[in-house]
Amino acid sequence: MTDAVTRLLGLGLRARRVVLGVAGVRARLQRGRLACVVLAADASPRTREKVERLALARGVPVVRGPAAERLGAGLGRPAVQAVGVVDAGLARGLVASSGG
């Protein structure tokens, strides 16, 4: 499952339809511009609380991804705790691949 999530996010990154990092994800959530959020399995409790609460308030689904190091490595970046998905079709694929 996590490999599928990472592959889909990689496609979104190349198409510039994802936002990396907690600050960027929170900013896009506040503006109502995300279709889905992927949180690293080992995201800190503070990060989970901040992002999940805002996503829930906006009606945006949250998907559990792989560990931050693995998520970042799959995207060619250092450790990433949160990824926001702008594209609705990509978000549907992520939610479906996560079993949600």
PDB file of N, CA and C in Angstrom:
ATOM      1  N   MET A   1       0.816  -1.196   0.000  1.00  0.00           N
ATOM      2  CA  MET A   1       0.000   0.000   0.000  1.00  0.00           C
ATOM      3  C   MET A   1       0.856   1.254   0.000  1.00  0.00           C
ATOM      4  N   THR A   2       1.884   1.329   0.864  1.00  0.00           N
ATOM      5  CA  THR A   2       2.678   2.549   0.946  1.00  0.00           C
ATOM      6  C   THR A   2       3.483   2.795  -0.322  1.00  0.00           C
ATOM      7  N   ASP A   3       3.878   1.726  -1.032  1.00  0.00           N
ATOM      8  CA  ASP A   3       4.578   1.909  -2.304  1.00  0.00           C
ATOM      9  C   ASP A   3       3.649   2.557  -3.324  1.00  0.00           C
ATOM     10  N   ALA A   4       2.397   2.153  -3.333  1.00  0.00           N
ATOM     11  CA  ALA A   4       1.429   2.749  -4.253  1.00  0.00           C
ATOM     12  C   ALA A   4       1.232   4.230  -3.926  1.00  0.00           C
ATOM     13  N   VAL A   5       1.156   4.550  -2.641  1.00  0.00           N
ATOM     14  CA  VAL A   5       0.999   5.945  -2.219  1.00  0.00           C
ATOM     15  C   VAL A   5       2.200   6.759  -2.684  1.00  0.00           C
ATOM     16  N   THR A   6       3.392   6.239  -2.466  1.00  0.00           N
ATOM     17  CA  THR A   6       4.606   6.956  -2.860  1.00  0.00           C
ATOM     18  C   THR A   6       4.675   7.138  -4.375  1.00  0.00           C
ATOM     19  N   ARG A   7       4.313   6.109  -5.124  1.00  0.00           N
ATOM     20  CA  ARG A   7       4.325   6.218  -6.595  1.00  0.00           C
ATOM     21  C   ARG A   7       3.334   7.285  -7.075  1.00  0.00           C
ATOM     22  N   LEU A   8       2.137   7.274  -6.525  1.00  0.00           N
ATOM     23  CA  LEU A   8       1.139   8.270  -6.916  1.00  0.00           C
ATOM     24  C   LEU A   8       1.594   9.687  -6.558  1.00  0.00           C
ATOM     25  N   LEU A   9       2.189   9.835  -5.385  1.00  0.00           N
ATOM     26  CA  LEU A   9       2.681  11.155  -4.987  1.00  0.00           C
ATOM     27  C   LEU A   9       3.820  11.609  -5.889  1.00  0.00           C
ATOM     28  N   GLY A  10       4.654  10.670  -6.328  1.00  0.00           N
ATOM     29  CA  GLY A  10       5.726  11.001  -7.252  1.00  0.00           C
ATOM     30  C   GLY A  10       5.182  11.550  -8.569  1.00  0.00           C
ATOM     31  N   LEU A  11       4.118  10.931  -9.063  1.00  0.00           N
ATOM     32  CA  LEU A  11       3.467  11.443 -10.276  1.00  0.00           C
ATOM     33  C   LEU A  11       2.931  12.851 -10.050  1.00  0.00           C
ATOM     34  N   GLY A  12       2.307  13.049  -8.895  1.00  0.00           N
ATOM     35  CA  GLY A  12       1.767  14.367  -8.564  1.00  0.00           C
ATOM     36  C   GLY A  12       2.854  15.415  -8.424  1.00  0.00           C
ATOM     37  N   LEU A  13       3.988  15.030  -7.864  1.00  0.00           N
ATOM     38  CA  LEU A  13       5.104  15.962  -7.703  1.00  0.00           C
ATOM     39  C   LEU A  13       5.638  16.396  -9.068  1.00  0.00           C
ATOM     40  N   ARG A  14       5.795  15.441  -9.963  1.00  0.00           N
ATOM     41  CA  ARG A  14       6.281  15.778 -11.303  1.00  0.00           C
ATOM     42  C   ARG A  14       5.293  16.682 -12.048  1.00  0.00           C
ATOM     43  N   ALA A  15       4.011  16.517 -11.766  1.00  0.00           N
ATOM     44  CA  ALA A  15       2.982  17.350 -12.401  1.00  0.00           C
ATOM     45  C   ALA A  15       2.738  18.649 -11.622  1.00  0.00           C
ATOM     46  N   ARG A  16       3.476  18.834 -10.535  1.00  0.00           N
ATOM     47  CA  ARG A  16       3.331  20.016  -9.669  1.00  0.00           C
ATOM     48  C   ARG A  16       1.925  20.139  -9.090  1.00  0.00           C
ATOM     49  N   ARG A  17       1.376  19.002  -8.686  1.00  0.00           N
ATOM     50  CA  ARG A  17       0.026  18.974  -8.112  1.00  0.00           C
ATOM     51  C   ARG A  17       0.041  18.565  -6.645  1.00  0.00           C
ATOM     52  N   VAL A  18       1.232  18.599  -6.019  1.00  0.00           N
ATOM     53  CA  VAL A  18       1.349  18.310  -4.598  1.00  0.00           C
ATOM     54  C   VAL A  18       2.167  19.393  -3.918  1.00  0.00           C
ATOM     55  N   VAL A  19       1.960  19.534  -2.610  1.00  0.00           N
ATOM     56  CA  VAL A  19       2.679  20.485  -1.780  1.00  0.00           C
ATOM     57  C   VAL A  19       3.406  19.688  -0.708  1.00  0.00           C
ATOM     58  N   LEU A  20       4.702  19.946  -0.531  1.00  0.00           N
ATOM     59  CA  LEU A  20       5.489  19.208   0.448  1.00  0.00           C
ATOM     60  C   LEU A  20       5.711  20.032   1.705  1.00  0.00           C
ATOM     61  N   GLY A  21       5.638  19.368   2.849  1.00  0.00           N
ATOM     62  CA  GLY A  21       5.947  20.012   4.123  1.00  0.00           C
ATOM     63  C   GLY A  21       4.719  20.484   4.871  1.00  0.00           C
ATOM     64  N   VAL A  22       4.862  20.497   6.184  1.00  0.00           N
ATOM     65  CA  VAL A  22       3.748  20.843   7.071  1.00  0.00           C
ATOM     66  C   VAL A  22       3.270  22.280   6.852  1.00  0.00           C
ATOM     67  N   ALA A  23       4.191  23.223   6.752  1.00  0.00           N
ATOM     68  CA  ALA A  23       3.795  24.631   6.599  1.00  0.00           C
ATOM     69  C   ALA A  23       3.010  24.847   5.304  1.00  0.00           C
ATOM     70  N   GLY A  24       3.498  24.282   4.210  1.00  0.00           N
ATOM     71  CA  GLY A  24       2.806  24.429   2.932  1.00  0.00           C
ATOM     72  C   GLY A  24       1.443  23.760   2.927  1.00  0.00           C
ATOM     73  N   VAL A  25       1.370  22.589   3.548  1.00  0.00           N
ATOM     74  CA  VAL A  25       0.101  21.860   3.625  1.00  0.00           C
ATOM     75  C   VAL A  25      -0.906  22.661   4.445  1.00  0.00           C
ATOM     76  N   ARG A  26      -0.475  23.175   5.590  1.00  0.00           N
ATOM     77  CA  ARG A  26      -1.396  23.954   6.434  1.00  0.00           C
ATOM     78  C   ARG A  26      -1.877  25.214   5.714  1.00  0.00           C
ATOM     79  N   ALA A  27      -0.960  25.893   5.018  1.00  0.00           N
ATOM     80  CA  ALA A  27      -1.342  27.114   4.298  1.00  0.00           C
ATOM     81  C   ALA A  27      -2.373  26.804   3.214  1.00  0.00           C
ATOM     82  N   ARG A  28      -2.169  25.728   2.470  1.00  0.00           N
ATOM     83  CA  ARG A  28      -3.128  25.362   1.417  1.00  0.00           C
ATOM     84  C   ARG A  28      -4.454  24.899   2.009  1.00  0.00           C
ATOM     85  N   LEU A  29      -4.410  24.194   3.138  1.00  0.00           N
ATOM     86  CA  LEU A  29      -5.654  23.790   3.795  1.00  0.00           C
ATOM     87  C   LEU A  29      -6.450  25.021   4.229  1.00  0.00           C
ATOM     88  N   GLN A  30      -5.773  26.009   4.773  1.00  0.00           N
ATOM     89  CA  GLN A  30      -6.455  27.222   5.232  1.00  0.00           C
ATOM     90  C   GLN A  30      -7.113  27.964   4.079  1.00  0.00           C
ATOM     91  N   ARG A  31      -6.514  27.864   2.896  1.00  0.00           N
ATOM     92  CA  ARG A  31      -7.098  28.517   1.717  1.00  0.00           C
ATOM     93  C   ARG A  31      -8.106  27.624   1.012  1.00  0.00           C
ATOM     94  N   GLY A  32      -8.284  26.391   1.511  1.00  0.00           N
ATOM     95  CA  GLY A  32      -9.258  25.487   0.904  1.00  0.00           C
ATOM     96  C   GLY A  32      -8.832  24.943  -0.440  1.00  0.00           C
ATOM     97  N   ARG A  33      -7.533  24.717  -0.621  1.00  0.00           N
ATOM     98  CA  ARG A  33      -7.030  24.315  -1.928  1.00  0.00           C
ATOM     99  C   ARG A  33      -6.451  22.918  -1.989  1.00  0.00           C
ATOM    100  N   LEU A  34      -6.796  22.055  -1.057  1.00  0.00           N
ATOM    101  CA  LEU A  34      -6.290  20.680  -1.095  1.00  0.00           C
ATOM    102  C   LEU A  34      -7.437  19.686  -1.193  1.00  0.00           C
ATOM    103  N   ALA A  35      -7.186  18.596  -1.919  1.00  0.00           N
ATOM    104  CA  ALA A  35      -8.183  17.539  -2.058  1.00  0.00           C
ATOM    105  C   ALA A  35      -7.893  16.375  -1.118  1.00  0.00           C
ATOM    106  N   CYS A  36      -6.656  16.288  -0.613  1.00  0.00           N
ATOM    107  CA  CYS A  36      -6.247  15.167   0.230  1.00  0.00           C
ATOM    108  C   CYS A  36      -4.927  15.525   0.906  1.00  0.00           C
ATOM    109  N   VAL A  37      -4.684  14.944   2.077  1.00  0.00           N
ATOM    110  CA  VAL A  37      -3.417  15.117   2.780  1.00  0.00           C
ATOM    111  C   VAL A  37      -2.853  13.741   3.096  1.00  0.00           C
ATOM    112  N   VAL A  38      -1.555  13.565   2.874  1.00  0.00           N
ATOM    113  CA  VAL A  38      -0.864  12.330   3.256  1.00  0.00           C
ATOM    114  C   VAL A  38       0.069  12.678   4.400  1.00  0.00           C
ATOM    115  N   LEU A  39      -0.101  11.987   5.525  1.00  0.00           N
ATOM    116  CA  LEU A  39       0.763  12.180   6.688  1.00  0.00           C
ATOM    117  C   LEU A  39       1.679  10.984   6.837  1.00  0.00           C
ATOM    118  N   ALA A  40       2.930  11.238   7.144  1.00  0.00           N
ATOM    119  CA  ALA A  40       3.882  10.158   7.384  1.00  0.00           C
ATOM    120  C   ALA A  40       3.420   9.347   8.592  1.00  0.00           C
ATOM    121  N   ALA A  41       3.653   8.053   8.538  1.00  0.00           N
ATOM    122  CA  ALA A  41       3.242   7.167   9.630  1.00  0.00           C
ATOM    123  C   ALA A  41       3.882   7.564  10.956  1.00  0.00           C
ATOM    124  N   ASP A  42       5.083   8.149  10.887  1.00  0.00           N
ATOM    125  CA  ASP A  42       5.786   8.531  12.111  1.00  0.00           C
ATOM    126  C   ASP A  42       5.784  10.047  12.334  1.00  0.00           C
ATOM    127  N   ALA A  43       4.807  10.740  11.763  1.00  0.00           N
ATOM    128  CA  ALA A  43       4.699  12.184  11.985  1.00  0.00           C
ATOM    129  C   ALA A  43       4.531  12.444  13.474  1.00  0.00           C
ATOM    130  N   SER A  44       5.098  13.544  13.924  1.00  0.00           N
ATOM    131  CA  SER A  44       5.032  13.867  15.351  1.00  0.00           C
ATOM    132  C   SER A  44       3.585  14.107  15.779  1.00  0.00           C
ATOM    133  N   PRO A  45       3.277  13.875  17.051  1.00  0.00           N
ATOM    134  CA  PRO A  45       1.913  14.119  17.528  1.00  0.00           C
ATOM    135  C   PRO A  45       1.455  15.558  17.272  1.00  0.00           C
ATOM    136  N   ARG A  46       2.360  16.513  17.433  1.00  0.00           N
ATOM    137  CA  ARG A  46       1.998  17.912  17.198  1.00  0.00           C
ATOM    138  C   ARG A  46       1.642  18.143  15.727  1.00  0.00           C
ATOM    139  N   THR A  47       2.428  17.573  14.826  1.00  0.00           N
ATOM    140  CA  THR A  47       2.144  17.703  13.395  1.00  0.00           C
ATOM    141  C   THR A  47       0.811  17.052  13.061  1.00  0.00           C
ATOM    142  N   ARG A  48       0.595  15.841  13.566  1.00  0.00           N
ATOM    143  CA  ARG A  48      -0.678  15.161  13.302  1.00  0.00           C
ATOM    144  C   ARG A  48      -1.845  15.994  13.802  1.00  0.00           C
ATOM    145  N   GLU A  49      -1.738  16.522  15.002  1.00  0.00           N
ATOM    146  CA  GLU A  49      -2.837  17.297  15.582  1.00  0.00           C
ATOM    147  C   GLU A  49      -3.115  18.542  14.749  1.00  0.00           C
ATOM    148  N   LYS A  50      -2.069  19.272  14.378  1.00  0.00           N
ATOM    149  CA  LYS A  50      -2.255  20.510  13.622  1.00  0.00           C
ATOM    150  C   LYS A  50      -2.850  20.254  12.238  1.00  0.00           C
ATOM    151  N   VAL A  51      -2.320  19.267  11.546  1.00  0.00           N
ATOM    152  CA  VAL A  51      -2.767  19.011  10.179  1.00  0.00           C
ATOM    153  C   VAL A  51      -4.119  18.303  10.155  1.00  0.00           C
ATOM    154  N   GLU A  52      -4.277  17.262  10.976  1.00  0.00           N
ATOM    155  CA  GLU A  52      -5.541  16.505  10.965  1.00  0.00           C
ATOM    156  C   GLU A  52      -6.725  17.362  11.394  1.00  0.00           C
ATOM    157  N   ARG A  53      -6.539  18.200  12.406  1.00  0.00           N
ATOM    158  CA  ARG A  53      -7.633  19.052  12.878  1.00  0.00           C
ATOM    159  C   ARG A  53      -8.086  20.005  11.775  1.00  0.00           C
ATOM    160  N   LEU A  54      -7.128  20.618  11.094  1.00  0.00           N
ATOM    161  CA  LEU A  54      -7.460  21.549  10.018  1.00  0.00           C
ATOM    162  C   LEU A  54      -8.089  20.815   8.829  1.00  0.00           C
ATOM    163  N   ALA A  55      -7.552  19.643   8.489  1.00  0.00           N
ATOM    164  CA  ALA A  55      -8.118  18.866   7.374  1.00  0.00           C
ATOM    165  C   ALA A  55      -9.548  18.437   7.690  1.00  0.00           C
ATOM    166  N   LEU A  56      -9.786  17.978   8.905  1.00  0.00           N
ATOM    167  CA  LEU A  56     -11.128  17.568   9.308  1.00  0.00           C
ATOM    168  C   LEU A  56     -12.100  18.746   9.217  1.00  0.00           C
ATOM    169  N   ALA A  57     -11.668  19.909   9.670  1.00  0.00           N
ATOM    170  CA  ALA A  57     -12.524  21.099   9.618  1.00  0.00           C
ATOM    171  C   ALA A  57     -12.859  21.475   8.176  1.00  0.00           C
ATOM    172  N   ARG A  58     -11.958  21.185   7.247  1.00  0.00           N
ATOM    173  CA  ARG A  58     -12.171  21.518   5.838  1.00  0.00           C
ATOM    174  C   ARG A  58     -12.778  20.377   5.044  1.00  0.00           C
ATOM    175  N   GLY A  59     -12.995  19.223   5.685  1.00  0.00           N
ATOM    176  CA  GLY A  59     -13.565  18.072   4.989  1.00  0.00           C
ATOM    177  C   GLY A  59     -12.601  17.410   4.026  1.00  0.00           C
ATOM    178  N   VAL A  60     -11.311  17.500   4.323  1.00  0.00           N
ATOM    179  CA  VAL A  60     -10.271  16.936   3.455  1.00  0.00           C
ATOM    180  C   VAL A  60      -9.814  15.606   4.045  1.00  0.00           C
ATOM    181  N   PRO A  61      -9.832  14.518   3.250  1.00  0.00           N
ATOM    182  CA  PRO A  61      -9.400  13.220   3.782  1.00  0.00           C
ATOM    183  C   PRO A  61      -7.903  13.198   4.093  1.00  0.00           C
ATOM    184  N   VAL A  62      -7.552  12.450   5.136  1.00  0.00           N
ATOM    185  CA  VAL A  62      -6.158  12.279   5.536  1.00  0.00           C
ATOM    186  C   VAL A  62      -5.784  10.814   5.349  1.00  0.00           C
ATOM    187  N   VAL A  63      -4.699  10.580   4.632  1.00  0.00           N
ATOM    188  CA  VAL A  63      -4.213   9.240   4.328  1.00  0.00           C
ATOM    189  C   VAL A  63      -2.908   9.021   5.088  1.00  0.00           C
ATOM    190  N   ARG A  64      -2.756   7.847   5.687  1.00  0.00           N
ATOM    191  CA  ARG A  64      -1.494   7.489   6.337  1.00  0.00           C
ATOM    192  C   ARG A  64      -0.521   6.988   5.293  1.00  0.00           C
ATOM    193  N   GLY A  65       0.639   7.598   5.244  1.00  0.00           N
ATOM    194  CA  GLY A  65       1.673   7.196   4.300  1.00  0.00           C
ATOM    195  C   GLY A  65       2.758   6.410   5.011  1.00  0.00           C
ATOM    196  N   PRO A  66       3.858   6.175   4.320  1.00  0.00           N
ATOM    197  CA  PRO A  66       4.993   5.496   4.947  1.00  0.00           C
ATOM    198  C   PRO A  66       5.708   6.436   5.921  1.00  0.00           C
ATOM    199  N   ALA A  67       6.748   5.953   6.564  1.00  0.00           N
ATOM    200  CA  ALA A  67       7.545   6.777   7.472  1.00  0.00           C
ATOM    201  C   ALA A  67       8.112   7.982   6.717  1.00  0.00           C
ATOM    202  N   ALA A  68       8.393   9.057   7.435  1.00  0.00           N
ATOM    203  CA  ALA A  68       8.838  10.317   6.829  1.00  0.00           C
ATOM    204  C   ALA A  68      10.083  10.142   5.962  1.00  0.00           C
ATOM    205  N   GLU A  69      11.059   9.376   6.431  1.00  0.00           N
ATOM    206  CA  GLU A  69      12.284   9.155   5.643  1.00  0.00           C
ATOM    207  C   GLU A  69      11.955   8.453   4.326  1.00  0.00           C
ATOM    208  N   ARG A  70      11.124   7.444   4.405  1.00  0.00           N
ATOM    209  CA  ARG A  70      10.756   6.677   3.201  1.00  0.00           C
ATOM    210  C   ARG A  70       9.887   7.503   2.259  1.00  0.00           C
ATOM    211  N   LEU A  71       8.984   8.288   2.831  1.00  0.00           N
ATOM    212  CA  LEU A  71       8.132   9.160   2.021  1.00  0.00           C
ATOM    213  C   LEU A  71       8.992  10.176   1.280  1.00  0.00           C
ATOM    214  N   GLY A  72       9.909  10.814   1.982  1.00  0.00           N
ATOM    215  CA  GLY A  72      10.794  11.781   1.352  1.00  0.00           C
ATOM    216  C   GLY A  72      11.681  11.141   0.294  1.00  0.00           C
ATOM    217  N   ALA A  73      12.259   9.985   0.620  1.00  0.00           N
ATOM    218  CA  ALA A  73      13.138   9.291  -0.327  1.00  0.00           C
ATOM    219  C   ALA A  73      12.386   8.927  -1.601  1.00  0.00           C
ATOM    220  N   GLY A  74      11.135   8.514  -1.463  1.00  0.00           N
ATOM    221  CA  GLY A  74      10.324   8.165  -2.623  1.00  0.00           C
ATOM    222  C   GLY A  74      10.020   9.359  -3.512  1.00  0.00           C
ATOM    223  N   LEU A  75      10.145  10.564  -2.940  1.00  0.00           N
ATOM    224  CA  LEU A  75       9.886  11.791  -3.694  1.00  0.00           C
ATOM    225  C   LEU A  75      11.179  12.524  -4.047  1.00  0.00           C
ATOM    226  N   GLY A  76      12.323  11.873  -3.735  1.00  0.00           N
ATOM    227  CA  GLY A  76      13.608  12.500  -4.033  1.00  0.00           C
ATOM    228  C   GLY A  76      13.918  13.670  -3.134  1.00  0.00           C
ATOM    229  N   ARG A  77      13.425  13.637  -1.918  1.00  0.00           N
ATOM    230  CA  ARG A  77      13.602  14.733  -0.964  1.00  0.00           C
ATOM    231  C   ARG A  77      14.059  14.167   0.382  1.00  0.00           C
ATOM    232  N   PRO A  78      14.492  15.054   1.292  1.00  0.00           N
ATOM    233  CA  PRO A  78      14.738  14.575   2.663  1.00  0.00           C
ATOM    234  C   PRO A  78      13.411  14.185   3.312  1.00  0.00           C
ATOM    235  N   ALA A  79      13.443  13.778   4.564  1.00  0.00           N
ATOM    236  CA  ALA A  79      12.233  13.338   5.272  1.00  0.00           C
ATOM    237  C   ALA A  79      11.099  14.350   5.123  1.00  0.00           C
ATOM    238  N   VAL A  80       9.905  13.838   4.811  1.00  0.00           N
ATOM    239  CA  VAL A  80       8.713  14.667   4.622  1.00  0.00           C
ATOM    240  C   VAL A  80       7.614  14.130   5.531  1.00  0.00           C
ATOM    241  N   GLN A  81       7.067  14.985   6.404  1.00  0.00           N
ATOM    242  CA  GLN A  81       6.019  14.548   7.324  1.00  0.00           C
ATOM    243  C   GLN A  81       4.623  14.708   6.758  1.00  0.00           C
ATOM    244  N   ALA A  82       4.448  15.667   5.836  1.00  0.00           N
ATOM    245  CA  ALA A  82       3.110  15.910   5.291  1.00  0.00           C
ATOM    246  C   ALA A  82       3.198  16.285   3.819  1.00  0.00           C
ATOM    247  N   VAL A  83       2.249  15.776   3.053  1.00  0.00           N
ATOM    248  CA  VAL A  83       2.137  16.096   1.621  1.00  0.00           C
ATOM    249  C   VAL A  83       0.680  16.440   1.347  1.00  0.00           C
ATOM    250  N   GLY A  84       0.467  17.568   0.718  1.00  0.00           N
ATOM    251  CA  GLY A  84      -0.874  17.970   0.332  1.00  0.00           C
ATOM    252  C   GLY A  84      -1.086  17.719  -1.150  1.00  0.00           C
ATOM    253  N   VAL A  85      -2.254  17.220  -1.512  1.00  0.00           N
ATOM    254  CA  VAL A  85      -2.565  16.893  -2.902  1.00  0.00           C
ATOM    255  C   VAL A  85      -3.616  17.871  -3.406  1.00  0.00           C
ATOM    256  N   VAL A  86      -3.289  18.570  -4.482  1.00  0.00           N
ATOM    257  CA  VAL A  86      -4.188  19.562  -5.062  1.00  0.00           C
ATOM    258  C   VAL A  86      -5.177  18.913  -6.024  1.00  0.00           C
ATOM    259  N   ASP A  87      -4.718  17.942  -6.786  1.00  0.00           N
ATOM    260  CA  ASP A  87      -5.519  17.315  -7.840  1.00  0.00           C
ATOM    261  C   ASP A  87      -6.549  16.343  -7.261  1.00  0.00           C
ATOM    262  N   ALA A  88      -7.820  16.537  -7.596  1.00  0.00           N
ATOM    263  CA  ALA A  88      -8.893  15.695  -7.058  1.00  0.00           C
ATOM    264  C   ALA A  88      -8.791  14.248  -7.528  1.00  0.00           C
ATOM    265  N   GLY A  89      -8.425  14.024  -8.782  1.00  0.00           N
ATOM    266  CA  GLY A  89      -8.287  12.664  -9.298  1.00  0.00           C
ATOM    267  C   GLY A  89      -7.165  11.908  -8.605  1.00  0.00           C
ATOM    268  N   LEU A  90      -6.054  12.563  -8.399  1.00  0.00           N
ATOM    269  CA  LEU A  90      -4.930  11.965  -7.679  1.00  0.00           C
ATOM    270  C   LEU A  90      -5.332  11.665  -6.234  1.00  0.00           C
ATOM    271  N   ALA A  91      -6.069  12.578  -5.627  1.00  0.00           N
ATOM    272  CA  ALA A  91      -6.531  12.359  -4.249  1.00  0.00           C
ATOM    273  C   ALA A  91      -7.430  11.131  -4.166  1.00  0.00           C
ATOM    274  N   ARG A  92      -8.330  10.957  -5.125  1.00  0.00           N
ATOM    275  CA  ARG A  92      -9.193   9.777  -5.130  1.00  0.00           C
ATOM    276  C   ARG A  92      -8.363   8.502  -5.220  1.00  0.00           C
ATOM    277  N   GLY A  93      -7.348   8.510  -6.077  1.00  0.00           N
ATOM    278  CA  GLY A  93      -6.476   7.346  -6.205  1.00  0.00           C
ATOM    279  C   GLY A  93      -5.725   7.044  -4.929  1.00  0.00           C
ATOM    280  N   LEU A  94      -5.279   8.074  -4.225  1.00  0.00           N
ATOM    281  CA  LEU A  94      -4.562   7.877  -2.958  1.00  0.00           C
ATOM    282  C   LEU A  94      -5.479   7.309  -1.879  1.00  0.00           C
ATOM    283  N   VAL A  95      -6.671   7.850  -1.783  1.00  0.00           N
ATOM    284  CA  VAL A  95      -7.629   7.369  -0.786  1.00  0.00           C
ATOM    285  C   VAL A  95      -7.994   5.919  -1.090  1.00  0.00           C
ATOM    286  N   ALA A  96      -8.205   5.598  -2.354  1.00  0.00           N
ATOM    287  CA  ALA A  96      -8.547   4.223  -2.738  1.00  0.00           C
ATOM    288  C   ALA A  96      -7.384   3.279  -2.471  1.00  0.00           C
ATOM    289  N   SER A  97      -6.156   3.695  -2.769  1.00  0.00           N
ATOM    290  CA  SER A  97      -5.000   2.811  -2.578  1.00  0.00           C
ATOM    291  C   SER A  97      -4.687   2.610  -1.102  1.00  0.00           C
ATOM    292  N   SER A  98      -5.158   3.516  -0.252  1.00  0.00           N
ATOM    293  CA  SER A  98      -4.907   3.373   1.178  1.00  0.00           C
ATOM    294  C   SER A  98      -5.982   2.525   1.850  1.00  0.00           C
ATOM    295  N   GLY A  99      -6.976   2.129   1.078  1.00  0.00           N
ATOM    296  CA  GLY A  99      -8.048   1.304   1.629  1.00  0.00           C
ATOM    297  C   GLY A  99      -9.162   2.112   2.240  1.00  0.00           C
ATOM    298  N   GLY A 100      -9.172   3.437   1.957  1.00  0.00           N
ATOM    299  CA  GLY A 100     -10.172   4.308   2.569  1.00  0.00           C
ATOM    300  C   GLY A 100     -11.309   4.588   1.726  1.00  0.00           C
TER     301      GLY A 100
END
